[in-house]
Amino acid sequence: MSKSNSSPLPPAVLFEDVSFAYRSIRVLEHVSVSIAQGESISIVGPNGGGKTTLVRLILGLLQPDEGKVRVFGLMPRHARLRVGYMPQHAQHDPQFPVTVMDVVLMGCLGRPGWSGLFGWHGSAGRRAATEALDRVGMADCRRCSFATLSGGQRQRVLIARALASEPELLLLDEPTANVDSASETQLLEVLRQLGREMTIIMVSHDLAFVADLVRKAICVNRRVVVHPTSQITGEIIRDLYERDMRLVQHGQHVSPQELTHG
């Protein structure tokens, strides 16, 4: 079959008229959005607006009450091995003697074979973990204690853990949380490079960071509207968050009225 007649790739993520409620509280209402393979996009919105619920639906941890969710054309639970996930909060005991390599190898759990089932990581798993660390600029720290790292270094290690599974979709929940401006710049460059290789969906409150990385933002507050980041204005932010906000950009406070993206 010629390329001109080949079937188009399914979206990396597809929501079709999705609604979801926790008990009787409606969190998402009639959400329809399509994210193309290879696209980098951000999910923004107020606390309780439905961002985390969208992520859990993509991961197959929740099922919609109405509508359907597909990941690479599959039900989410059947596509999990194609998704790398970095959670917002990584709880760890600073006294526990875990190395950076130990943390990254956790990303291989769940893969086919004995190593994915029991954590008996052979040369292939360690090679994948080392390559993942190299991609985020942390290969030289693979024997370091995870507890000794800075906040920005930990975020990059957690991204490496997600990459160790060799995903096609990278799902990041607040990757700039507890990261200083210098580390944020390094993280931005890492994500920019990764965006050339895979689909990236990033939950973030940092609209200045988002605008440097993605062209579109999924704005969530029970309902969903997709905006080009270049067109996100103070009025859109007020409508989304239902109040004025102060945004942090390069260490300075910026009011919504001052926010412009060219």
C-alpha atoms as a PDB file:
ATOM      1  CA  MET A   1       0.000   0.000   0.000  1.00  0.00           C
ATOM      2  CA  SER A   2       1.370   3.424  -0.886  1.00  0.00           C
ATOM      3  CA  LYS A   3       1.906   6.086   1.730  1.00  0.00           C
ATOM      4  CA  SER A   4      -0.829   8.236   0.224  1.00  0.00           C
ATOM      5  CA  ASN A   5      -3.366   5.479   0.939  1.00  0.00           C
ATOM      6  CA  SER A   6      -2.123   4.608   4.426  1.00  0.00           C
ATOM      7  CA  SER A   7      -4.463   5.191   7.332  1.00  0.00           C
ATOM      8  CA  PRO A   8      -3.775   8.327   9.412  1.00  0.00           C
ATOM      9  CA  LEU A   9      -2.332   7.842  12.863  1.00  0.00           C
ATOM     10  CA  PRO A  10      -4.922   7.850  15.642  1.00  0.00           C
ATOM     11  CA  PRO A  11      -4.682  10.723  18.135  1.00  0.00           C
ATOM     12  CA  ALA A  12      -2.324  10.200  21.043  1.00  0.00           C
ATOM     13  CA  VAL A  13      -5.274  11.092  23.301  1.00  0.00           C
ATOM     14  CA  LEU A  14      -8.935  11.478  22.417  1.00  0.00           C
ATOM     15  CA  PHE A  15     -11.814  12.568  24.659  1.00  0.00           C
ATOM     16  CA  GLU A  16     -15.279  12.344  23.127  1.00  0.00           C
ATOM     17  CA  ASP A  17     -18.104  14.004  25.095  1.00  0.00           C
ATOM     18  CA  VAL A  18     -16.647  12.839  28.409  1.00  0.00           C
ATOM     19  CA  SER A  19     -18.335  13.604  31.727  1.00  0.00           C
ATOM     20  CA  PHE A  20     -17.215  12.466  35.151  1.00  0.00           C
ATOM     21  CA  ALA A  21     -18.460  12.958  38.719  1.00  0.00           C
ATOM     22  CA  TYR A  22     -17.080  12.019  42.128  1.00  0.00           C
ATOM     23  CA  ARG A  23     -20.195  10.729  43.844  1.00  0.00           C
ATOM     24  CA  SER A  24     -22.727  13.402  42.893  1.00  0.00           C
ATOM     25  CA  ILE A  25     -20.236  16.224  42.266  1.00  0.00           C
ATOM     26  CA  ARG A  26     -19.716  16.820  38.540  1.00  0.00           C
ATOM     27  CA  VAL A  27     -16.014  17.469  37.847  1.00  0.00           C
ATOM     28  CA  LEU A  28     -15.904  17.218  34.055  1.00  0.00           C
ATOM     29  CA  GLU A  29     -18.768  17.991  31.732  1.00  0.00           C
ATOM     30  CA  HIS A  30     -19.017  17.143  28.008  1.00  0.00           C
ATOM     31  CA  VAL A  31     -15.265  17.256  27.359  1.00  0.00           C
ATOM     32  CA  SER A  32     -14.172  16.724  23.771  1.00  0.00           C
ATOM     33  CA  VAL A  33     -10.516  17.211  22.841  1.00  0.00           C
ATOM     34  CA  SER A  34      -7.998  15.535  20.536  1.00  0.00           C
ATOM     35  CA  ILE A  35      -4.215  15.578  21.020  1.00  0.00           C
ATOM     36  CA  ALA A  36      -2.200  14.558  17.963  1.00  0.00           C
ATOM     37  CA  GLN A  37       0.789  12.251  18.133  1.00  0.00           C
ATOM     38  CA  GLY A  38       3.978  14.275  18.413  1.00  0.00           C
ATOM     39  CA  GLU A  39       2.183  17.290  19.869  1.00  0.00           C
ATOM     40  CA  SER A  40       3.252  19.084  23.052  1.00  0.00           C
ATOM     41  CA  ILE A  41       0.353  20.555  24.984  1.00  0.00           C
ATOM     42  CA  SER A  42      -0.379  21.776  28.504  1.00  0.00           C
ATOM     43  CA  ILE A  43      -3.354  21.350  30.821  1.00  0.00           C
ATOM     44  CA  VAL A  44      -4.050  24.447  32.936  1.00  0.00           C
ATOM     45  CA  GLY A  45      -6.838  25.415  35.316  1.00  0.00           C
ATOM     46  CA  PRO A  46      -7.753  26.130  38.934  1.00  0.00           C
ATOM     47  CA  ASN A  47      -7.477  23.634  41.778  1.00  0.00           C
ATOM     48  CA  GLY A  48     -10.522  21.367  41.675  1.00  0.00           C
ATOM     49  CA  GLY A  49     -11.175  22.279  38.046  1.00  0.00           C
ATOM     50  CA  GLY A  50     -10.595  18.743  36.734  1.00  0.00           C
ATOM     51  CA  LYS A  51      -6.911  18.647  35.717  1.00  0.00           C
ATOM     52  CA  THR A  52      -6.040  15.631  37.874  1.00  0.00           C
ATOM     53  CA  THR A  53      -9.202  13.865  36.758  1.00  0.00           C
ATOM     54  CA  LEU A  54      -8.180  14.296  33.110  1.00  0.00           C
ATOM     55  CA  VAL A  55      -4.795  12.753  33.910  1.00  0.00           C
ATOM     56  CA  ARG A  56      -6.359   9.795  35.733  1.00  0.00           C
ATOM     57  CA  LEU A  57      -8.719   9.185  32.830  1.00  0.00           C
ATOM     58  CA  ILE A  58      -5.779   9.158  30.401  1.00  0.00           C
ATOM     59  CA  LEU A  59      -3.969   6.656  32.617  1.00  0.00           C
ATOM     60  CA  GLY A  60      -7.074   4.482  32.869  1.00  0.00           C
ATOM     61  CA  LEU A  61      -7.236   4.891  36.648  1.00  0.00           C
ATOM     62  CA  LEU A  62     -10.773   6.264  36.290  1.00  0.00           C
ATOM     63  CA  GLN A  63     -13.569   5.431  33.873  1.00  0.00           C
ATOM     64  CA  PRO A  64     -15.796   8.161  32.413  1.00  0.00           C
ATOM     65  CA  ASP A  65     -19.445   8.258  33.414  1.00  0.00           C
ATOM     66  CA  GLU A  66     -20.305   9.316  29.876  1.00  0.00           C
ATOM     67  CA  GLY A  67     -18.386   9.435  26.623  1.00  0.00           C
ATOM     68  CA  LYS A  68     -15.132   7.684  25.781  1.00  0.00           C
ATOM     69  CA  VAL A  69     -11.388   8.112  26.232  1.00  0.00           C
ATOM     70  CA  ARG A  70      -8.848   6.598  23.863  1.00  0.00           C
ATOM     71  CA  VAL A  71      -5.044   6.576  24.007  1.00  0.00           C
ATOM     72  CA  PHE A  72      -3.401   5.741  20.674  1.00  0.00           C
ATOM     73  CA  GLY A  73      -6.801   4.440  19.601  1.00  0.00           C
ATOM     74  CA  LEU A  74      -6.977   1.992  22.533  1.00  0.00           C
ATOM     75  CA  MET A  75      -8.767   1.927  25.845  1.00  0.00           C
ATOM     76  CA  PRO A  76      -6.386   3.620  28.307  1.00  0.00           C
ATOM     77  CA  ARG A  77      -5.640   0.492  30.346  1.00  0.00           C
ATOM     78  CA  HIS A  78      -4.450  -1.236  27.163  1.00  0.00           C
ATOM     79  CA  ALA A  79      -2.095   1.627  26.305  1.00  0.00           C
ATOM     80  CA  ARG A  80      -0.381   2.061  29.693  1.00  0.00           C
ATOM     81  CA  LEU A  81       2.916   0.578  28.539  1.00  0.00           C
ATOM     82  CA  ARG A  82       3.104   3.335  25.918  1.00  0.00           C
ATOM     83  CA  VAL A  83       2.747   6.099  28.527  1.00  0.00           C
ATOM     84  CA  GLY A  84       5.438   7.469  30.842  1.00  0.00           C
ATOM     85  CA  TYR A  85       4.053   9.310  33.877  1.00  0.00           C
ATOM     86  CA  MET A  86       5.676  11.714  36.323  1.00  0.00           C
ATOM     87  CA  PRO A  87       3.406  12.438  39.322  1.00  0.00           C
ATOM     88  CA  GLN A  88       3.230  15.818  41.006  1.00  0.00           C
ATOM     89  CA  HIS A  89       4.317  14.506  44.405  1.00  0.00           C
ATOM     90  CA  ALA A  90       7.046  11.898  44.862  1.00  0.00           C
ATOM     91  CA  GLN A  91       6.987  10.808  48.485  1.00  0.00           C
ATOM     92  CA  HIS A  92      10.291   9.443  49.739  1.00  0.00           C
ATOM     93  CA  ASP A  93      12.004   8.797  53.041  1.00  0.00           C
ATOM     94  CA  PRO A  94      15.273  10.779  53.055  1.00  0.00           C
ATOM     95  CA  GLN A  95      16.765   8.110  55.332  1.00  0.00           C
ATOM     96  CA  PHE A  96      16.063   5.326  52.850  1.00  0.00           C
ATOM     97  CA  PRO A  97      19.309   4.500  50.961  1.00  0.00           C
ATOM     98  CA  VAL A  98      17.969   4.649  47.403  1.00  0.00           C
ATOM     99  CA  THR A  99      20.219   5.789  44.565  1.00  0.00           C
ATOM    100  CA  VAL A 100      19.289   7.736  41.469  1.00  0.00           C
ATOM    101  CA  MET A 101      19.657   4.563  39.382  1.00  0.00           C
ATOM    102  CA  ASP A 102      17.332   2.687  41.759  1.00  0.00           C
ATOM    103  CA  VAL A 103      14.667   5.351  41.263  1.00  0.00           C
ATOM    104  CA  VAL A 104      14.956   5.344  37.469  1.00  0.00           C
ATOM    105  CA  LEU A 105      14.830   1.541  37.275  1.00  0.00           C
ATOM    106  CA  MET A 106      11.395   1.723  38.900  1.00  0.00           C
ATOM    107  CA  GLY A 107      10.184   3.017  35.541  1.00  0.00           C
ATOM    108  CA  CYS A 108      10.867  -0.415  34.049  1.00  0.00           C
ATOM    109  CA  LEU A 109       8.399  -2.143  36.396  1.00  0.00           C
ATOM    110  CA  GLY A 110       5.355  -3.436  34.596  1.00  0.00           C
ATOM    111  CA  ARG A 111       7.208  -4.083  31.359  1.00  0.00           C
ATOM    112  CA  PRO A 112       6.932  -7.553  29.788  1.00  0.00           C
ATOM    113  CA  GLY A 113       9.156 -10.267  31.251  1.00  0.00           C
ATOM    114  CA  TRP A 114      10.501 -11.250  34.646  1.00  0.00           C
ATOM    115  CA  SER A 115      12.404  -7.995  35.140  1.00  0.00           C
ATOM    116  CA  GLY A 116       9.249  -5.942  34.716  1.00  0.00           C
ATOM    117  CA  LEU A 117       7.328  -8.211  37.057  1.00  0.00           C
ATOM    118  CA  PHE A 118       9.823  -8.695  39.881  1.00  0.00           C
ATOM    119  CA  GLY A 119      12.375  -5.915  39.337  1.00  0.00           C
ATOM    120  CA  TRP A 120      15.220  -8.232  38.361  1.00  0.00           C
ATOM    121  CA  HIS A 121      16.777  -5.662  36.061  1.00  0.00           C
ATOM    122  CA  GLY A 122      19.273  -7.043  33.590  1.00  0.00           C
ATOM    123  CA  SER A 123      21.588  -5.272  31.184  1.00  0.00           C
ATOM    124  CA  ALA A 124      18.740  -4.104  28.940  1.00  0.00           C
ATOM    125  CA  GLY A 125      16.877  -2.429  31.794  1.00  0.00           C
ATOM    126  CA  ARG A 126      20.000  -0.772  33.127  1.00  0.00           C
ATOM    127  CA  ARG A 127      20.917   0.397  29.648  1.00  0.00           C
ATOM    128  CA  ALA A 128      17.467   1.942  29.224  1.00  0.00           C
ATOM    129  CA  ALA A 129      17.760   3.643  32.633  1.00  0.00           C
ATOM    130  CA  THR A 130      21.225   4.998  31.843  1.00  0.00           C
ATOM    131  CA  GLU A 131      20.047   6.338  28.489  1.00  0.00           C
ATOM    132  CA  ALA A 132      17.074   7.991  30.191  1.00  0.00           C
ATOM    133  CA  LEU A 133      19.370   9.682  32.713  1.00  0.00           C
ATOM    134  CA  ASP A 134      21.639  10.835  29.920  1.00  0.00           C
ATOM    135  CA  ARG A 135      18.699  12.412  28.092  1.00  0.00           C
ATOM    136  CA  VAL A 136      17.891  14.584  31.108  1.00  0.00           C
ATOM    137  CA  GLY A 137      21.542  15.409  31.859  1.00  0.00           C
ATOM    138  CA  MET A 138      21.784  13.329  35.044  1.00  0.00           C
ATOM    139  CA  ALA A 139      23.889  10.327  33.969  1.00  0.00           C
ATOM    140  CA  ASP A 140      26.844  11.421  36.115  1.00  0.00           C
ATOM    141  CA  CYS A 141      24.625  11.269  39.218  1.00  0.00           C
ATOM    142  CA  ARG A 142      23.359   7.710  38.750  1.00  0.00           C
ATOM    143  CA  ARG A 143      25.178   6.448  41.882  1.00  0.00           C
ATOM    144  CA  CYS A 144      24.220   9.470  44.016  1.00  0.00           C
ATOM    145  CA  SER A 145      21.707   9.242  46.834  1.00  0.00           C
ATOM    146  CA  PHE A 146      18.337  10.533  45.627  1.00  0.00           C
ATOM    147  CA  ALA A 147      17.866  12.351  48.955  1.00  0.00           C
ATOM    148  CA  THR A 148      20.928  14.535  48.366  1.00  0.00           C
ATOM    149  CA  LEU A 149      19.669  16.032  45.095  1.00  0.00           C
ATOM    150  CA  SER A 150      18.224  19.493  44.652  1.00  0.00           C
ATOM    151  CA  GLY A 151      14.561  19.948  43.745  1.00  0.00           C
ATOM    152  CA  GLY A 152      15.367  20.519  40.066  1.00  0.00           C
ATOM    153  CA  GLN A 153      17.637  17.468  39.934  1.00  0.00           C
ATOM    154  CA  ARG A 154      14.940  15.299  41.497  1.00  0.00           C
ATOM    155  CA  GLN A 155      12.429  16.458  38.883  1.00  0.00           C
ATOM    156  CA  ARG A 156      14.812  15.485  36.087  1.00  0.00           C
ATOM    157  CA  VAL A 157      15.412  12.077  37.693  1.00  0.00           C
ATOM    158  CA  LEU A 158      11.652  11.506  37.919  1.00  0.00           C
ATOM    159  CA  ILE A 159      11.329  12.406  34.237  1.00  0.00           C
ATOM    160  CA  ALA A 160      14.097   9.874  33.545  1.00  0.00           C
ATOM    161  CA  ARG A 161      12.097   7.276  35.492  1.00  0.00           C
ATOM    162  CA  ALA A 162       9.154   7.942  33.165  1.00  0.00           C
ATOM    163  CA  LEU A 163      11.455   7.710  30.129  1.00  0.00           C
ATOM    164  CA  ALA A 164      12.960   4.375  31.225  1.00  0.00           C
ATOM    165  CA  SER A 165       9.819   2.637  29.988  1.00  0.00           C
ATOM    166  CA  GLU A 166      10.555   4.038  26.495  1.00  0.00           C
ATOM    167  CA  PRO A 167       7.140   5.699  26.173  1.00  0.00           C
ATOM    168  CA  GLU A 168       5.460   7.318  23.189  1.00  0.00           C
ATOM    169  CA  LEU A 169       3.503   9.686  25.445  1.00  0.00           C
ATOM    170  CA  LEU A 170       5.080  11.563  28.355  1.00  0.00           C
ATOM    171  CA  LEU A 171       2.560  12.759  30.948  1.00  0.00           C
ATOM    172  CA  LEU A 172       3.938  15.261  33.481  1.00  0.00           C
ATOM    173  CA  ASP A 173       2.046  16.606  36.484  1.00  0.00           C
ATOM    174  CA  GLU A 174       3.421  20.001  37.634  1.00  0.00           C
ATOM    175  CA  PRO A 175       7.049  19.402  36.581  1.00  0.00           C
ATOM    176  CA  THR A 176       8.144  22.871  37.790  1.00  0.00           C
ATOM    177  CA  ALA A 177       6.856  22.403  41.352  1.00  0.00           C
ATOM    178  CA  ASN A 178       9.523  23.289  43.949  1.00  0.00           C
ATOM    179  CA  VAL A 179      12.039  24.181  41.227  1.00  0.00           C
ATOM    180  CA  ASP A 180      14.146  27.357  41.222  1.00  0.00           C
ATOM    181  CA  SER A 181      14.501  29.565  38.141  1.00  0.00           C
ATOM    182  CA  ALA A 182      17.903  28.144  37.110  1.00  0.00           C
ATOM    183  CA  SER A 183      16.631  24.558  37.329  1.00  0.00           C
ATOM    184  CA  GLU A 184      13.470  25.596  35.503  1.00  0.00           C
ATOM    185  CA  THR A 185      15.572  26.797  32.563  1.00  0.00           C
ATOM    186  CA  GLN A 186      17.395  23.443  32.443  1.00  0.00           C
ATOM    187  CA  LEU A 187      14.099  21.587  32.671  1.00  0.00           C
ATOM    188  CA  LEU A 188      12.629  23.656  29.851  1.00  0.00           C
ATOM    189  CA  GLU A 189      15.475  22.680  27.547  1.00  0.00           C
ATOM    190  CA  VAL A 190      15.119  18.988  28.477  1.00  0.00           C
ATOM    191  CA  LEU A 191      11.393  19.048  27.674  1.00  0.00           C
ATOM    192  CA  ARG A 192      11.970  20.969  24.449  1.00  0.00           C
ATOM    193  CA  GLN A 193      14.339  18.237  23.265  1.00  0.00           C
ATOM    194  CA  LEU A 194      11.955  15.451  24.308  1.00  0.00           C
ATOM    195  CA  GLY A 195       9.097  17.176  22.504  1.00  0.00           C
ATOM    196  CA  ARG A 196      10.875  16.477  19.223  1.00  0.00           C
ATOM    197  CA  GLU A 197      10.669  12.739  19.883  1.00  0.00           C
ATOM    198  CA  MET A 198       7.319  12.069  21.554  1.00  0.00           C
ATOM    199  CA  THR A 199       3.960  13.447  22.607  1.00  0.00           C
ATOM    200  CA  ILE A 200       4.085  15.514  25.813  1.00  0.00           C
ATOM    201  CA  ILE A 201       1.125  16.456  27.999  1.00  0.00           C
ATOM    202  CA  MET A 202       2.034  18.672  30.926  1.00  0.00           C
ATOM    203  CA  VAL A 203      -0.153  19.837  33.813  1.00  0.00           C
ATOM    204  CA  SER A 204       1.077  23.216  35.021  1.00  0.00           C
ATOM    205  CA  HIS A 205       0.028  26.371  36.842  1.00  0.00           C
ATOM    206  CA  ASP A 206       3.044  28.202  35.416  1.00  0.00           C
ATOM    207  CA  LEU A 207       1.636  29.811  32.273  1.00  0.00           C
ATOM    208  CA  ALA A 208       4.893  31.631  31.536  1.00  0.00           C
ATOM    209  CA  PHE A 209       6.750  28.283  31.483  1.00  0.00           C
ATOM    210  CA  VAL A 210       3.999  26.703  29.389  1.00  0.00           C
ATOM    211  CA  ALA A 211       4.096  29.461  26.774  1.00  0.00           C
ATOM    212  CA  ASP A 212       7.815  28.823  26.188  1.00  0.00           C
ATOM    213  CA  LEU A 213       7.230  25.146  25.515  1.00  0.00           C
ATOM    214  CA  VAL A 214       3.828  24.481  23.944  1.00  0.00           C
ATOM    215  CA  ARG A 215       1.634  26.145  21.361  1.00  0.00           C
ATOM    216  CA  LYS A 216      -1.724  25.133  22.827  1.00  0.00           C
ATOM    217  CA  ALA A 217      -3.172  24.877  26.313  1.00  0.00           C
ATOM    218  CA  ILE A 218      -6.166  22.818  27.409  1.00  0.00           C
ATOM    219  CA  CYS A 219      -7.952  25.145  29.827  1.00  0.00           C
ATOM    220  CA  VAL A 220      -9.993  23.092  32.304  1.00  0.00           C
ATOM    221  CA  ASN A 221     -12.646  24.267  34.729  1.00  0.00           C
ATOM    222  CA  ARG A 222     -15.240  21.480  34.563  1.00  0.00           C
ATOM    223  CA  ARG A 223     -15.569  22.216  30.860  1.00  0.00           C
ATOM    224  CA  VAL A 224     -12.616  22.332  28.466  1.00  0.00           C
ATOM    225  CA  VAL A 225     -11.547  24.974  25.972  1.00  0.00           C
ATOM    226  CA  VAL A 226      -8.339  24.752  23.928  1.00  0.00           C
ATOM    227  CA  HIS A 227      -6.465  28.019  23.392  1.00  0.00           C
ATOM    228  CA  PRO A 228      -3.233  28.787  21.515  1.00  0.00           C
ATOM    229  CA  THR A 229      -0.821  29.963  24.209  1.00  0.00           C
ATOM    230  CA  SER A 230      -0.111  33.083  22.145  1.00  0.00           C
ATOM    231  CA  GLN A 231      -3.751  34.091  22.615  1.00  0.00           C
ATOM    232  CA  ILE A 232      -4.061  33.515  26.377  1.00  0.00           C
ATOM    233  CA  THR A 233      -4.951  36.906  27.825  1.00  0.00           C
ATOM    234  CA  GLY A 234      -5.772  38.265  31.250  1.00  0.00           C
ATOM    235  CA  GLU A 235      -9.468  38.027  30.390  1.00  0.00           C
ATOM    236  CA  ILE A 236      -9.169  34.324  29.538  1.00  0.00           C
ATOM    237  CA  ILE A 237      -7.295  33.711  32.790  1.00  0.00           C
ATOM    238  CA  ARG A 238      -9.968  35.513  34.821  1.00  0.00           C
ATOM    239  CA  ASP A 239     -12.692  33.497  33.088  1.00  0.00           C
ATOM    240  CA  LEU A 240     -10.787  30.256  33.742  1.00  0.00           C
ATOM    241  CA  TYR A 241      -9.845  30.880  37.371  1.00  0.00           C
ATOM    242  CA  GLU A 242     -12.907  33.059  38.106  1.00  0.00           C
ATOM    243  CA  ARG A 243     -10.635  35.648  39.741  1.00  0.00           C
ATOM    244  CA  ASP A 244      -7.510  37.696  39.085  1.00  0.00           C
ATOM    245  CA  MET A 245      -4.234  35.825  39.482  1.00  0.00           C
ATOM    246  CA  ARG A 246      -0.620  36.715  40.003  1.00  0.00           C
ATOM    247  CA  LEU A 247       1.754  34.743  37.824  1.00  0.00           C
ATOM    248  CA  VAL A 248       5.445  34.141  38.435  1.00  0.00           C
ATOM    249  CA  GLN A 249       7.744  34.714  35.490  1.00  0.00           C
ATOM    250  CA  HIS A 250      11.552  34.792  35.809  1.00  0.00           C
ATOM    251  CA  GLY A 251      11.278  35.471  39.530  1.00  0.00           C
ATOM    252  CA  GLN A 252       8.934  38.480  39.170  1.00  0.00           C
ATOM    253  CA  HIS A 253       5.231  38.872  39.927  1.00  0.00           C
ATOM    254  CA  VAL A 254       3.201  39.627  36.811  1.00  0.00           C
ATOM    255  CA  SER A 255      -0.457  40.578  36.873  1.00  0.00           C
ATOM    256  CA  PRO A 256      -2.862  39.019  34.341  1.00  0.00           C
ATOM    257  CA  GLN A 257      -3.281  42.428  32.666  1.00  0.00           C
ATOM    258  CA  GLU A 258       0.464  42.463  31.961  1.00  0.00           C
ATOM    259  CA  LEU A 259       0.578  38.947  30.519  1.00  0.00           C
ATOM    260  CA  THR A 260       1.149  38.948  26.763  1.00  0.00           C
ATOM    261  CA  HIS A 261       2.637  36.298  24.529  1.00  0.00           C
ATOM    262  CA  GLY A 262       3.872  37.121  21.042  1.00  0.00           C
END
